[in-house]
Amino acid sequence: MRKISLTIANQGPSELVKEVEKGESFVITRGGCPIAKLAPHRADEMANLEWASA
């Protein structure tokens, strides 16, 4: 899983999504601290009712 700053993520969100479609995952950081994860969707997550209702 690669780390990427929020600033960089905001400069090329569609490029990040293309990488995620290929299977890459990212941890997005602000000031060096992790704030979010961008990862491919997994079909088994739909079995989790909380995920499905979101």
PDB file of N, CA and C in Angstrom:
ATOM      1  N   MET A   1       0.849  -1.167   0.000  1.00  0.00           N
ATOM      2  CA  MET A   1       0.000   0.000   0.000  1.00  0.00           C
ATOM      3  C   MET A   1       0.901   1.238   0.000  1.00  0.00           C
ATOM      4  N   ARG A   2       0.665   2.112  -0.951  1.00  0.00           N
ATOM      5  CA  ARG A   2       1.491   3.306  -1.084  1.00  0.00           C
ATOM      6  C   ARG A   2       0.899   4.466  -0.287  1.00  0.00           C
ATOM      7  N   LYS A   3       1.770   5.313   0.236  1.00  0.00           N
ATOM      8  CA  LYS A   3       1.347   6.531   0.918  1.00  0.00           C
ATOM      9  C   LYS A   3       1.424   7.689  -0.060  1.00  0.00           C
ATOM     10  N   ILE A   4       0.424   8.572   0.010  1.00  0.00           N
ATOM     11  CA  ILE A   4       0.384   9.735  -0.862  1.00  0.00           C
ATOM     12  C   ILE A   4      -0.228  10.898  -0.085  1.00  0.00           C
ATOM     13  N   SER A   5       0.329  12.086  -0.254  1.00  0.00           N
ATOM     14  CA  SER A   5      -0.187  13.241   0.470  1.00  0.00           C
ATOM     15  C   SER A   5      -1.525  13.681  -0.116  1.00  0.00           C
ATOM     16  N   LEU A   6      -2.341  14.317   0.692  1.00  0.00           N
ATOM     17  CA  LEU A   6      -3.626  14.829   0.247  1.00  0.00           C
ATOM     18  C   LEU A   6      -3.444  15.832  -0.893  1.00  0.00           C
ATOM     19  N   THR A   7      -2.411  16.638  -0.811  1.00  0.00           N
ATOM     20  CA  THR A   7      -2.133  17.613  -1.871  1.00  0.00           C
ATOM     21  C   THR A   7      -1.926  16.914  -3.205  1.00  0.00           C
ATOM     22  N   ILE A   8      -1.120  15.878  -3.217  1.00  0.00           N
ATOM     23  CA  ILE A   8      -0.862  15.127  -4.448  1.00  0.00           C
ATOM     24  C   ILE A   8      -2.132  14.410  -4.907  1.00  0.00           C
ATOM     25  N   ALA A   9      -2.876  13.839  -3.975  1.00  0.00           N
ATOM     26  CA  ALA A   9      -4.117  13.139  -4.324  1.00  0.00           C
ATOM     27  C   ALA A   9      -5.108  14.089  -4.987  1.00  0.00           C
ATOM     28  N   ASN A  10      -5.166  15.317  -4.512  1.00  0.00           N
ATOM     29  CA  ASN A  10      -6.080  16.306  -5.090  1.00  0.00           C
ATOM     30  C   ASN A  10      -5.648  16.768  -6.475  1.00  0.00           C
ATOM     31  N   GLN A  11      -4.397  16.621  -6.808  1.00  0.00           N
ATOM     32  CA  GLN A  11      -3.900  17.066  -8.112  1.00  0.00           C
ATOM     33  C   GLN A  11      -4.228  16.083  -9.227  1.00  0.00           C
ATOM     34  N   GLY A  12      -4.483  14.844  -8.895  1.00  0.00           N
ATOM     35  CA  GLY A  12      -4.750  13.846  -9.934  1.00  0.00           C
ATOM     36  C   GLY A  12      -5.667  12.738  -9.480  1.00  0.00           C
ATOM     37  N   PRO A  13      -6.887  13.062  -9.031  1.00  0.00           N
ATOM     38  CA  PRO A  13      -7.763  12.011  -8.505  1.00  0.00           C
ATOM     39  C   PRO A  13      -8.130  10.949  -9.539  1.00  0.00           C
ATOM     40  N   SER A  14      -8.321  11.326 -10.797  1.00  0.00           N
ATOM     41  CA  SER A  14      -8.690  10.319 -11.791  1.00  0.00           C
ATOM     42  C   SER A  14      -7.537   9.351 -12.048  1.00  0.00           C
ATOM     43  N   GLU A  15      -6.300   9.837 -11.956  1.00  0.00           N
ATOM     44  CA  GLU A  15      -5.146   8.943 -12.113  1.00  0.00           C
ATOM     45  C   GLU A  15      -5.077   7.957 -10.950  1.00  0.00           C
ATOM     46  N   LEU A  16      -5.389   8.427  -9.749  1.00  0.00           N
ATOM     47  CA  LEU A  16      -5.408   7.526  -8.592  1.00  0.00           C
ATOM     48  C   LEU A  16      -6.460   6.437  -8.778  1.00  0.00           C
ATOM     49  N   VAL A  17      -7.637   6.830  -9.251  1.00  0.00           N
ATOM     50  CA  VAL A  17      -8.709   5.855  -9.456  1.00  0.00           C
ATOM     51  C   VAL A  17      -8.290   4.817 -10.497  1.00  0.00           C
ATOM     52  N   LYS A  18      -7.609   5.237 -11.543  1.00  0.00           N
ATOM     53  CA  LYS A  18      -7.118   4.280 -12.542  1.00  0.00           C
ATOM     54  C   LYS A  18      -6.177   3.267 -11.904  1.00  0.00           C
ATOM     55  N   GLU A  19      -5.310   3.738 -11.006  1.00  0.00           N
ATOM     56  CA  GLU A  19      -4.394   2.835 -10.308  1.00  0.00           C
ATOM     57  C   GLU A  19      -5.160   1.876  -9.397  1.00  0.00           C
ATOM     58  N   VAL A  20      -6.196   2.376  -8.735  1.00  0.00           N
ATOM     59  CA  VAL A  20      -7.013   1.534  -7.857  1.00  0.00           C
ATOM     60  C   VAL A  20      -7.725   0.463  -8.682  1.00  0.00           C
ATOM     61  N   GLU A  21      -8.203   0.835  -9.854  1.00  0.00           N
ATOM     62  CA  GLU A  21      -8.849  -0.151 -10.729  1.00  0.00           C
ATOM     63  C   GLU A  21      -7.896  -1.280 -11.099  1.00  0.00           C
ATOM     64  N   LYS A  22      -6.607  -0.988 -11.121  1.00  0.00           N
ATOM     65  CA  LYS A  22      -5.595  -2.004 -11.426  1.00  0.00           C
ATOM     66  C   LYS A  22      -5.211  -2.824 -10.196  1.00  0.00           C
ATOM     67  N   GLY A  23      -5.757  -2.452  -9.012  1.00  0.00           N
ATOM     68  CA  GLY A  23      -5.493  -3.220  -7.796  1.00  0.00           C
ATOM     69  C   GLY A  23      -4.631  -2.512  -6.768  1.00  0.00           C
ATOM     70  N   GLU A  24      -4.146  -1.321  -7.077  1.00  0.00           N
ATOM     71  CA  GLU A  24      -3.291  -0.570  -6.145  1.00  0.00           C
ATOM     72  C   GLU A  24      -4.137   0.017  -5.008  1.00  0.00           C
ATOM     73  N   SER A  25      -3.554   0.133  -3.839  1.00  0.00           N
ATOM     74  CA  SER A  25      -4.190   0.778  -2.688  1.00  0.00           C
ATOM     75  C   SER A  25      -3.316   1.924  -2.211  1.00  0.00           C
ATOM     76  N   PHE A  26      -3.941   2.953  -1.662  1.00  0.00           N
ATOM     77  CA  PHE A  26      -3.232   4.131  -1.186  1.00  0.00           C
ATOM     78  C   PHE A  26      -3.695   4.506   0.208  1.00  0.00           C
ATOM     79  N   VAL A  27      -2.757   4.988   1.019  1.00  0.00           N
ATOM     80  CA  VAL A  27      -3.086   5.659   2.266  1.00  0.00           C
ATOM     81  C   VAL A  27      -2.844   7.139   1.999  1.00  0.00           C
ATOM     82  N   ILE A  28      -3.882   7.938   2.193  1.00  0.00           N
ATOM     83  CA  ILE A  28      -3.769   9.373   1.962  1.00  0.00           C
ATOM     84  C   ILE A  28      -3.420  10.029   3.291  1.00  0.00           C
ATOM     85  N   THR A  29      -2.399  10.874   3.249  1.00  0.00           N
ATOM     86  CA  THR A  29      -1.906  11.501   4.475  1.00  0.00           C
ATOM     87  C   THR A  29      -2.052  13.018   4.413  1.00  0.00           C
ATOM     88  N   ARG A  30      -2.140  13.621   5.584  1.00  0.00           N
ATOM     89  CA  ARG A  30      -2.101  15.079   5.735  1.00  0.00           C
ATOM     90  C   ARG A  30      -1.084  15.364   6.830  1.00  0.00           C
ATOM     91  N   GLY A  31      -0.082  16.121   6.494  1.00  0.00           N
ATOM     92  CA  GLY A  31       0.966  16.413   7.468  1.00  0.00           C
ATOM     93  C   GLY A  31       1.684  15.155   7.928  1.00  0.00           C
ATOM     94  N   GLY A  32       1.725  14.143   7.062  1.00  0.00           N
ATOM     95  CA  GLY A  32       2.397  12.897   7.399  1.00  0.00           C
ATOM     96  C   GLY A  32       1.551  11.907   8.173  1.00  0.00           C
ATOM     97  N   CYS A  33       0.337  12.301   8.574  1.00  0.00           N
ATOM     98  CA  CYS A  33      -0.548  11.417   9.337  1.00  0.00           C
ATOM     99  C   CYS A  33      -1.613  10.818   8.426  1.00  0.00           C
ATOM    100  N   PRO A  34      -1.845   9.521   8.508  1.00  0.00           N
ATOM    101  CA  PRO A  34      -2.870   8.890   7.680  1.00  0.00           C
ATOM    102  C   PRO A  34      -4.252   9.449   7.997  1.00  0.00           C
ATOM    103  N   ILE A  35      -5.026   9.759   6.934  1.00  0.00           N
ATOM    104  CA  ILE A  35      -6.390  10.258   7.140  1.00  0.00           C
ATOM    105  C   ILE A  35      -7.435   9.443   6.375  1.00  0.00           C
ATOM    106  N   ALA A  36      -7.011   8.709   5.334  1.00  0.00           N
ATOM    107  CA  ALA A  36      -7.975   7.944   4.540  1.00  0.00           C
ATOM    108  C   ALA A  36      -7.255   6.826   3.799  1.00  0.00           C
ATOM    109  N   LYS A  37      -8.057   5.866   3.350  1.00  0.00           N
ATOM    110  CA  LYS A  37      -7.524   4.778   2.537  1.00  0.00           C
ATOM    111  C   LYS A  37      -8.341   4.714   1.256  1.00  0.00           C
ATOM    112  N   LEU A  38      -7.665   4.595   0.140  1.00  0.00           N
ATOM    113  CA  LEU A  38      -8.305   4.430  -1.158  1.00  0.00           C
ATOM    114  C   LEU A  38      -7.881   3.063  -1.669  1.00  0.00           C
ATOM    115  N   ALA A  39      -8.851   2.160  -1.807  1.00  0.00           N
ATOM    116  CA  ALA A  39      -8.536   0.782  -2.162  1.00  0.00           C
ATOM    117  C   ALA A  39      -9.638   0.225  -3.057  1.00  0.00           C
ATOM    118  N   PRO A  40      -9.325  -0.820  -3.815  1.00  0.00           N
ATOM    119  CA  PRO A  40     -10.345  -1.436  -4.660  1.00  0.00           C
ATOM    120  C   PRO A  40     -11.506  -1.973  -3.825  1.00  0.00           C
ATOM    121  N   HIS A  41     -12.692  -1.885  -4.397  1.00  0.00           N
ATOM    122  CA  HIS A  41     -13.884  -2.433  -3.752  1.00  0.00           C
ATOM    123  C   HIS A  41     -13.818  -3.950  -3.842  1.00  0.00           C
ATOM    124  N   ARG A  42     -14.168  -4.598  -2.761  1.00  0.00           N
ATOM    125  CA  ARG A  42     -14.207  -6.067  -2.754  1.00  0.00           C
ATOM    126  C   ARG A  42     -15.657  -6.499  -2.637  1.00  0.00           C
ATOM    127  N   ALA A  43     -16.069  -7.437  -3.448  1.00  0.00           N
ATOM    128  CA  ALA A  43     -17.462  -7.886  -3.483  1.00  0.00           C
ATOM    129  C   ALA A  43     -17.937  -8.420  -2.136  1.00  0.00           C
ATOM    130  N   ASP A  44     -17.052  -9.049  -1.342  1.00  0.00           N
ATOM    131  CA  ASP A  44     -17.467  -9.609  -0.058  1.00  0.00           C
ATOM    132  C   ASP A  44     -17.854  -8.529   0.940  1.00  0.00           C
ATOM    133  N   GLU A  45     -17.461  -7.276   0.711  1.00  0.00           N
ATOM    134  CA  GLU A  45     -17.866  -6.193   1.609  1.00  0.00           C
ATOM    135  C   GLU A  45     -19.369  -5.940   1.517  1.00  0.00           C
ATOM    136  N   MET A  46     -19.975  -6.272   0.392  1.00  0.00           N
ATOM    137  CA  MET A  46     -21.415  -6.070   0.243  1.00  0.00           C
ATOM    138  C   MET A  46     -22.205  -6.983   1.176  1.00  0.00           C
ATOM    139  N   ALA A  47     -21.603  -8.049   1.647  1.00  0.00           N
ATOM    140  CA  ALA A  47     -22.270  -8.934   2.592  1.00  0.00           C
ATOM    141  C   ALA A  47     -22.425  -8.257   3.955  1.00  0.00           C
ATOM    142  N   ASN A  48     -21.611  -7.273   4.224  1.00  0.00           N
ATOM    143  CA  ASN A  48     -21.688  -6.527   5.481  1.00  0.00           C
ATOM    144  C   ASN A  48     -22.840  -5.533   5.380  1.00  0.00           C
ATOM    145  N   LEU A  49     -23.873  -5.709   6.180  1.00  0.00           N
ATOM    146  CA  LEU A  49     -25.067  -4.862   6.074  1.00  0.00           C
ATOM    147  C   LEU A  49     -24.776  -3.388   6.295  1.00  0.00           C
ATOM    148  N   GLU A  50     -23.849  -3.077   7.179  1.00  0.00           N
ATOM    149  CA  GLU A  50     -23.516  -1.682   7.436  1.00  0.00           C
ATOM    150  C   GLU A  50     -22.936  -1.056   6.165  1.00  0.00           C
ATOM    151  N   TRP A  51     -22.070  -1.781   5.471  1.00  0.00           N
ATOM    152  CA  TRP A  51     -21.486  -1.272   4.221  1.00  0.00           C
ATOM    153  C   TRP A  51     -22.586  -1.088   3.174  1.00  0.00           C
ATOM    154  N   ALA A  52     -23.474  -2.052   3.041  1.00  0.00           N
ATOM    155  CA  ALA A  52     -24.509  -1.996   2.016  1.00  0.00           C
ATOM    156  C   ALA A  52     -25.484  -0.859   2.246  1.00  0.00           C
ATOM    157  N   SER A  53     -25.722  -0.498   3.502  1.00  0.00           N
ATOM    158  CA  SER A  53     -26.696   0.559   3.796  1.00  0.00           C
ATOM    159  C   SER A  53     -26.087   1.943   3.719  1.00  0.00           C
ATOM    160  N   ALA A  54     -24.766   2.033   3.608  1.00  0.00           N
ATOM    161  CA  ALA A  54     -24.108   3.354   3.572  1.00  0.00           C
ATOM    162  C   ALA A  54     -24.352   4.056   2.257  1.00  0.00           C
TER     163      ALA A  54
END
